N, C-alpha and C. Protein backbone atom coordinates (compact mmCIF):
# COMPACT_ATOMS: atom_id res chain seq x y z
N UNK A 1 21.23 -10.03 0.67
CA UNK A 1 20.52 -9.60 1.71
C UNK A 1 19.67 -8.15 1.13
N UNK A 2 20.17 -7.21 0.82
CA UNK A 2 19.64 -6.36 0.28
C UNK A 2 18.42 -6.29 -1.17
N UNK A 3 18.91 -7.48 -1.11
CA UNK A 3 17.81 -7.76 -2.85
C UNK A 3 16.38 -8.02 -2.47
N UNK A 4 16.56 -8.75 -1.60
CA UNK A 4 14.96 -8.83 -0.75
C UNK A 4 14.30 -7.79 -0.16
N UNK A 5 15.18 -6.81 0.08
CA UNK A 5 14.33 -5.74 0.98
C UNK A 5 13.87 -5.04 -0.32
N UNK A 6 14.70 -4.79 -1.21
CA UNK A 6 14.16 -3.86 -2.35
C UNK A 6 13.09 -4.34 -3.24
N UNK A 7 13.31 -5.81 -3.28
CA UNK A 7 11.45 -6.23 -4.12
C UNK A 7 10.53 -5.78 -3.00
N UNK A 8 10.55 -6.19 -2.21
CA UNK A 8 9.59 -5.67 -0.91
C UNK A 8 9.12 -4.43 -1.20
N UNK A 9 10.31 -3.87 -1.00
CA UNK A 9 9.77 -2.69 -1.14
C UNK A 9 9.24 -1.60 -2.29
N UNK A 10 9.39 -2.56 -3.47
CA UNK A 10 8.94 -1.75 -4.75
C UNK A 10 7.27 -2.41 -4.99
N UNK A 11 7.60 -3.97 -4.54
CA UNK A 11 6.24 -4.26 -4.31
C UNK A 11 5.23 -3.42 -3.55
N UNK A 12 5.63 -2.77 -2.54
CA UNK A 12 4.58 -2.19 -1.13
C UNK A 12 4.85 -0.92 -2.11
N UNK A 13 5.57 -0.18 -2.85
CA UNK A 13 5.04 1.11 -3.21
C UNK A 13 4.50 0.82 -4.53
N UNK A 14 4.73 -0.23 -5.20
CA UNK A 14 3.79 -0.70 -6.66
C UNK A 14 2.08 -0.72 -5.82
N UNK A 15 2.14 -1.53 -4.92
CA UNK A 15 0.48 -1.61 -4.51
C UNK A 15 0.22 -0.62 -3.70
N UNK A 16 0.81 0.27 -2.66
CA UNK A 16 0.56 1.30 -2.70
C UNK A 16 -0.01 2.63 -3.51
N UNK A 17 0.77 2.30 -4.24
CA UNK A 17 0.31 3.42 -5.96
C UNK A 17 -1.23 3.32 -6.49
N UNK A 18 -1.09 1.96 -6.22
CA UNK A 18 -2.51 1.68 -7.09
C UNK A 18 -3.62 1.75 -5.93
N UNK A 19 -3.58 1.04 -4.78
CA UNK A 19 -4.50 1.93 -3.81
C UNK A 19 -4.51 2.88 -3.62
N UNK A 20 -3.83 4.09 -3.65
CA UNK A 20 -3.91 5.32 -3.48
C UNK A 20 -4.69 6.45 -5.06
N UNK A 21 -4.31 5.58 -6.19
CA UNK A 21 -5.05 5.66 -7.49
C UNK A 21 -6.81 5.19 -6.74
N UNK A 22 -7.07 4.47 -6.35
CA UNK A 22 -8.50 3.73 -5.91
C UNK A 22 -9.34 5.19 -4.91
N UNK A 23 -8.17 4.99 -3.77
CA UNK A 23 -8.46 6.18 -3.02
C UNK A 23 -8.82 7.49 -3.51
N UNK A 24 -7.99 8.02 -4.53
CA UNK A 24 -8.69 9.44 -5.13
C UNK A 24 -9.66 9.21 -5.80
N UNK A 25 -10.39 8.27 -6.21
CA UNK A 25 -11.54 8.46 -6.86
C UNK A 25 -12.44 8.67 -5.87
N UNK A 26 -12.35 8.20 -4.53
CA UNK A 26 -13.59 7.98 -4.11
C UNK A 26 -13.23 9.24 -2.72
N UNK A 27 -12.46 9.85 -2.73
CA UNK A 27 -12.15 10.92 -1.53
C UNK A 27 -12.74 11.95 -1.45
N UNK A 28 -13.58 12.51 -2.45
CA UNK A 28 -14.15 13.72 -2.73
C UNK A 28 -15.09 13.91 -1.82
N UNK A 29 -15.60 12.76 -1.23
CA UNK A 29 -16.87 12.03 -0.50
C UNK A 29 -16.80 11.59 0.51
N UNK A 30 -15.40 11.79 1.22
CA UNK A 30 -14.70 11.15 2.46
C UNK A 30 -14.26 12.06 3.34
N UNK A 31 -14.14 11.93 4.82
CA UNK A 31 -13.78 12.86 5.98
C UNK A 31 -12.71 12.25 5.82
N UNK A 32 -11.40 13.21 6.66
CA UNK A 32 -10.18 13.34 6.67
C UNK A 32 -9.75 11.86 7.25
N UNK A 33 -10.21 11.91 8.46
CA UNK A 33 -10.20 10.11 9.16
C UNK A 33 -10.26 9.26 8.03
N UNK A 34 -11.54 8.82 7.36
CA UNK A 34 -12.20 7.87 6.46
C UNK A 34 -10.37 7.65 5.61
N UNK A 35 -9.71 8.84 5.11
CA UNK A 35 -8.31 8.90 4.18
C UNK A 35 -7.31 8.54 4.95
N UNK A 36 -7.40 8.20 5.92
CA UNK A 36 -6.44 7.99 7.20
C UNK A 36 -6.06 6.87 7.63
N UNK A 37 -7.21 6.06 7.65
CA UNK A 37 -7.76 5.09 7.75
C UNK A 37 -7.02 4.26 6.05
N UNK A 38 -7.63 4.57 5.10
CA UNK A 38 -7.43 4.01 3.92
C UNK A 38 -5.97 4.00 4.19
N UNK A 39 -5.33 5.05 4.05
CA UNK A 39 -3.57 5.14 4.54
C UNK A 39 -3.11 3.84 5.31
N UNK A 40 -3.87 3.58 6.26
CA UNK A 40 -3.52 2.83 7.22
C UNK A 40 -3.96 1.31 6.51
N UNK A 41 -4.87 1.18 5.90
CA UNK A 41 -5.07 0.09 5.45
C UNK A 41 -4.00 -0.53 3.98
N UNK A 42 -3.47 0.47 3.20
CA UNK A 42 -2.76 0.37 2.52
C UNK A 42 -1.62 0.25 2.57
N UNK A 43 -0.98 0.94 3.62
CA UNK A 43 0.45 0.10 4.29
C UNK A 43 0.17 -1.27 4.81
N UNK A 44 -0.47 -1.56 5.80
CA UNK A 44 -0.91 -2.80 5.78
C UNK A 44 -0.33 -4.20 4.66
N UNK A 45 -1.53 -3.61 4.14
CA UNK A 45 -1.59 -4.60 2.29
C UNK A 45 -0.74 -4.67 2.08
N UNK A 46 0.04 -3.32 1.61
CA UNK A 46 0.99 -3.38 0.92
C UNK A 46 2.29 -4.01 1.17
N UNK A 47 2.77 -3.87 2.87
CA UNK A 47 3.41 -4.85 3.21
C UNK A 47 3.42 -6.30 3.36
N UNK A 48 2.31 -6.69 3.37
CA UNK A 48 1.80 -8.22 3.56
C UNK A 48 1.84 -8.60 1.97
N UNK A 49 1.86 -7.71 1.20
CA UNK A 49 1.74 -8.65 -0.24
C UNK A 49 3.08 -8.36 -0.82
N UNK A 50 4.22 -7.21 -0.17
CA UNK A 50 5.61 -6.96 -0.53
C UNK A 50 5.82 -8.99 0.08
N UNK A 51 5.58 -9.10 1.35
CA UNK A 51 6.31 -10.25 2.09
C UNK A 51 5.70 -11.25 1.16
N UNK A 52 4.49 -11.37 0.86
CA UNK A 52 3.98 -12.60 -0.20
C UNK A 52 5.02 -12.71 -1.05
N UNK A 53 4.66 -11.42 -1.85
CA UNK A 53 5.86 -11.87 -3.19
C UNK A 53 7.26 -12.10 -3.09
N UNK A 54 7.86 -12.12 -1.83
CA UNK A 54 9.58 -12.32 -1.57
C UNK A 54 9.08 -13.93 -1.06
N UNK A 55 7.73 -14.25 -0.41
CA UNK A 55 7.77 -15.21 0.37
C UNK A 55 8.72 -15.30 1.62
N UNK A 56 8.63 -14.27 2.50
CA UNK A 56 8.67 -13.78 3.75
C UNK A 56 7.64 -13.79 4.77
């Protein structure tokens, strides 16, 4: 039971780290609410990606 949780967590962390790098590249020109919206999208997509990787 712990293994799927860890795989999902690591997949989400990897996705969010890559997404954060992309956001960092463009955030100099963005307002704070844009950065917060990107964070929400990152969390959603990271979770979705992790669940797809584990097949849940």
